Amino acid sequence: MTTALATTPSCGDTSVLPRLSIQPLTAAAFARFGDVIESAGHAPIQINHGMTERYHALAQVDTGGAEGHALINLFHALPYQLPLRLEEMERHPLGSQAFVPLQETPFIVVVAAAGESVQPGDLQAFVTNGRQGVNYHRGVWHHSLIALQASARFIVVDRGGPGHNCDVVAIGDGSGVLLELPDAS
């Protein structure tokens, strides 16, 4: 398995782009975009004669009605290098989409509330603790997976079935936003 770093596209002057800082992912801060999938803060149910702890119903899969069905996918994301120029966002108008990491590797989640377009000021960025997953609500704008220090593998649960279920739009006028870690000072 090869590990590669994706870098910031070199086109244009990034010094004039709006800046987007990343904050820790918490259930409260992320609630309007979807669900944080993690065991912390949830009481387990003991099953299998006490040999397994089940953290029940951490997120609901929305398949958009009777014609939709849940898909379980495996994604392998290569790491990006920050700062990173974000130019487009996607949404799934017919169902939710969940990302659950398979190892403890932090990743970045960039989201914007549901609507017809995405402006730079609409964006929020979160960094997971490596054990958290996310379930984007139907119609919530999000950036594609942003792995950080190493390649990361995810179980992804989303909707299959008839209908167009992936819209992609440019952020604002298309010039993008510069995603960067907050200053340590």
Protein backbone atom coordinates (compact mmCIF):
# COMPACT_ATOMS: atom_id res chain seq x y z
CA MET A 1 0.00 0.00 0.00
CA THR A 2 1.43 3.35 -1.07
CA THR A 3 0.91 6.51 0.94
CA ALA A 4 0.80 9.78 -0.94
CA LEU A 5 0.08 13.31 0.17
CA ALA A 6 -2.28 15.48 -1.84
CA THR A 7 -1.18 19.07 -1.83
CA THR A 8 -2.85 22.42 -2.24
CA PRO A 9 -3.56 23.14 -5.92
CA SER A 10 -0.93 25.58 -7.18
CA CYS A 11 -3.23 27.73 -9.30
CA GLY A 12 -3.84 31.25 -8.08
CA ASP A 13 -2.76 33.30 -5.11
CA THR A 14 -4.01 31.64 -1.90
CA SER A 15 -3.16 34.70 0.22
CA VAL A 16 -6.46 36.33 -0.81
CA LEU A 17 -8.67 33.33 -0.07
CA PRO A 18 -10.95 33.27 2.99
CA ARG A 19 -9.46 31.14 5.77
CA LEU A 20 -11.30 28.23 7.40
CA SER A 21 -10.06 27.09 10.80
CA ILE A 22 -10.68 23.61 12.14
CA GLN A 23 -12.32 22.96 15.52
CA PRO A 24 -12.66 19.71 17.51
CA LEU A 25 -15.64 17.56 16.52
CA THR A 26 -18.34 17.43 19.21
CA ALA A 27 -21.93 16.19 19.02
CA ALA A 28 -23.27 19.62 20.03
CA ALA A 29 -21.24 21.59 17.45
CA PHE A 30 -22.09 19.13 14.65
CA ALA A 31 -25.80 18.55 15.47
CA ARG A 32 -27.26 20.71 12.68
CA PHE A 33 -25.22 18.82 10.07
CA GLY A 34 -25.66 15.25 11.29
CA ASP A 35 -24.64 12.80 13.98
CA VAL A 36 -21.25 12.12 15.59
CA ILE A 37 -20.77 8.35 15.72
CA GLU A 38 -18.80 7.44 18.84
CA SER A 39 -19.22 5.38 21.97
CA ALA A 40 -18.14 8.16 24.36
CA GLY A 41 -21.11 9.49 26.33
CA HIS A 42 -23.35 6.51 25.51
CA ALA A 43 -24.13 3.64 27.88
CA PRO A 44 -23.50 0.24 26.32
CA ILE A 45 -25.93 -2.67 26.35
CA GLN A 46 -24.31 -5.95 27.33
CA ILE A 47 -25.02 -8.70 24.76
CA ASN A 48 -23.62 -12.11 23.80
CA HIS A 49 -23.52 -13.30 27.41
CA GLY A 50 -21.65 -10.19 28.51
CA MET A 51 -18.85 -10.61 25.96
CA THR A 52 -19.89 -7.67 23.75
CA GLU A 53 -20.85 -4.08 24.49
CA ARG A 54 -23.39 -2.73 22.00
CA TYR A 55 -23.63 1.03 21.54
CA HIS A 56 -27.11 1.10 20.09
CA ALA A 57 -28.59 3.48 17.48
CA LEU A 58 -25.77 6.04 17.33
CA ALA A 59 -27.15 7.33 13.99
CA GLN A 60 -30.10 6.60 11.73
CA VAL A 61 -29.55 5.76 8.06
CA ASP A 62 -31.92 7.82 5.90
CA THR A 63 -32.55 6.02 2.59
CA GLY A 64 -35.16 8.47 1.33
CA GLY A 65 -38.30 6.36 1.36
CA ALA A 66 -39.45 2.98 0.10
CA GLU A 67 -37.32 2.90 -3.08
CA GLY A 68 -34.01 3.48 -1.31
CA HIS A 69 -31.85 0.88 0.40
CA ALA A 70 -28.75 1.05 2.57
CA LEU A 71 -25.33 0.38 1.03
CA ILE A 72 -22.22 -0.54 3.01
CA ASN A 73 -18.99 0.55 1.30
CA LEU A 74 -15.29 0.49 2.11
CA PHE A 75 -13.36 3.72 1.33
CA HIS A 76 -9.58 4.13 1.38
CA ALA A 77 -8.59 7.82 1.66
CA LEU A 78 -5.11 9.16 0.97
CA PRO A 79 -3.84 11.95 3.26
CA TYR A 80 -3.84 15.61 2.30
CA GLN A 81 -1.27 18.20 3.34
CA LEU A 82 -2.51 21.40 4.97
CA PRO A 83 -3.11 24.17 4.15
CA LEU A 84 -5.52 22.82 1.52
CA ARG A 85 -7.50 24.80 -1.04
CA LEU A 86 -11.14 23.66 -0.98
CA GLU A 87 -12.98 24.40 -4.21
CA GLU A 88 -16.17 22.33 -4.16
CA MET A 89 -18.68 20.63 -1.90
CA GLU A 90 -21.13 17.77 -2.39
CA ARG A 91 -24.49 16.76 -0.97
CA HIS A 92 -26.77 13.74 -1.14
CA PRO A 93 -30.37 14.95 -1.59
CA LEU A 94 -32.00 11.50 -1.28
CA GLY A 95 -30.36 10.08 1.86
CA SER A 96 -27.83 10.37 4.66
CA GLN A 97 -24.18 9.30 4.41
CA ALA A 98 -22.10 7.92 7.30
CA PHE A 99 -18.31 7.60 7.58
CA VAL A 100 -16.92 5.32 10.30
CA PRO A 101 -13.10 5.05 10.58
CA LEU A 102 -11.58 1.58 10.85
CA GLN A 103 -8.48 2.73 12.74
CA GLU A 104 -7.70 5.59 15.08
CA THR A 105 -6.69 8.14 12.47
CA PRO A 106 -8.04 11.70 12.83
CA PHE A 107 -9.70 13.15 9.75
CA ILE A 108 -11.22 16.52 8.89
CA VAL A 109 -14.92 17.12 8.28
CA VAL A 110 -15.93 20.25 6.33
CA VAL A 111 -19.67 20.98 6.19
CA ALA A 112 -22.27 23.61 5.34
CA ALA A 113 -25.99 23.64 6.06
CA ALA A 114 -28.43 22.39 3.44
CA GLY A 115 -29.34 24.95 0.79
CA GLU A 116 -28.95 25.61 -2.91
CA SER A 117 -25.39 26.99 -2.84
CA VAL A 118 -22.31 27.13 -0.62
CA GLN A 119 -20.54 30.40 0.23
CA PRO A 120 -17.16 30.55 2.02
CA GLY A 121 -18.79 31.95 5.17
CA ASP A 122 -21.19 28.96 5.32
CA LEU A 123 -18.41 26.45 5.97
CA GLN A 124 -17.44 24.87 9.27
CA ALA A 125 -14.50 22.50 9.73
CA PHE A 126 -14.03 19.89 12.45
CA VAL A 127 -11.25 17.46 13.28
CA THR A 128 -12.19 14.08 14.73
CA ASN A 129 -10.32 12.43 17.57
CA GLY A 130 -9.66 9.38 15.39
CA ARG A 131 -12.37 7.26 17.02
CA GLN A 132 -15.36 9.36 15.92
CA GLY A 133 -17.38 8.88 12.77
CA VAL A 134 -20.01 11.15 11.23
CA ASN A 135 -23.43 10.70 9.66
CA TYR A 136 -24.29 13.61 7.35
CA HIS A 137 -28.01 14.39 7.29
CA ARG A 138 -29.76 14.32 3.93
CA GLY A 139 -28.94 17.45 1.90
CA VAL A 140 -26.06 18.69 4.11
CA TRP A 141 -23.12 19.95 2.06
CA HIS A 142 -19.78 18.30 2.84
CA HIS A 143 -16.31 18.06 1.38
CA SER A 144 -14.92 14.73 0.29
CA LEU A 145 -12.85 12.79 2.86
CA ILE A 146 -9.84 14.67 4.20
CA ALA A 147 -7.43 12.21 5.83
CA LEU A 148 -4.53 13.86 7.68
CA GLN A 149 -1.27 12.16 8.63
CA ALA A 150 -1.76 8.76 6.97
CA SER A 151 -4.02 6.80 4.68
CA ALA A 152 -7.32 5.97 6.35
CA ARG A 153 -9.97 3.32 5.77
CA PHE A 154 -13.67 3.87 6.40
CA ILE A 155 -16.90 1.94 6.38
CA VAL A 156 -19.34 4.20 4.52
CA VAL A 157 -23.10 3.68 4.76
CA ASP A 158 -25.26 5.54 2.28
CA ARG A 159 -28.27 5.25 0.01
CA GLY A 160 -28.60 3.10 -3.07
CA GLY A 161 -31.59 3.03 -5.40
CA PRO A 162 -33.15 5.07 -8.19
CA GLY A 163 -32.69 8.81 -8.53
CA HIS A 164 -29.78 11.26 -8.64
CA ASN A 165 -28.16 11.33 -5.20
CA CYS A 166 -24.97 13.39 -5.53
CA ASP A 167 -24.80 17.11 -6.29
CA VAL A 168 -21.45 18.90 -6.55
CA VAL A 169 -21.11 22.72 -6.48
CA ALA A 170 -18.26 25.21 -6.46
CA ILE A 171 -17.70 27.10 -3.21
CA GLY A 172 -18.84 30.70 -3.78
CA ASP A 173 -17.40 32.12 -6.99
CA GLY A 174 -15.20 29.04 -7.46
CA SER A 175 -11.98 30.54 -6.11
CA GLY A 176 -12.29 28.40 -2.98
CA VAL A 177 -11.33 28.59 0.68
CA LEU A 178 -8.00 27.82 2.32
CA LEU A 179 -8.37 25.13 5.02
CA GLU A 180 -5.72 25.41 7.69
CA LEU A 181 -5.05 24.29 11.22
CA PRO A 182 -5.45 27.02 13.85
CA ASP A 183 -2.32 28.82 15.00
CA ALA A 184 -0.75 27.12 18.01
CA SER A 185 0.13 30.51 19.55
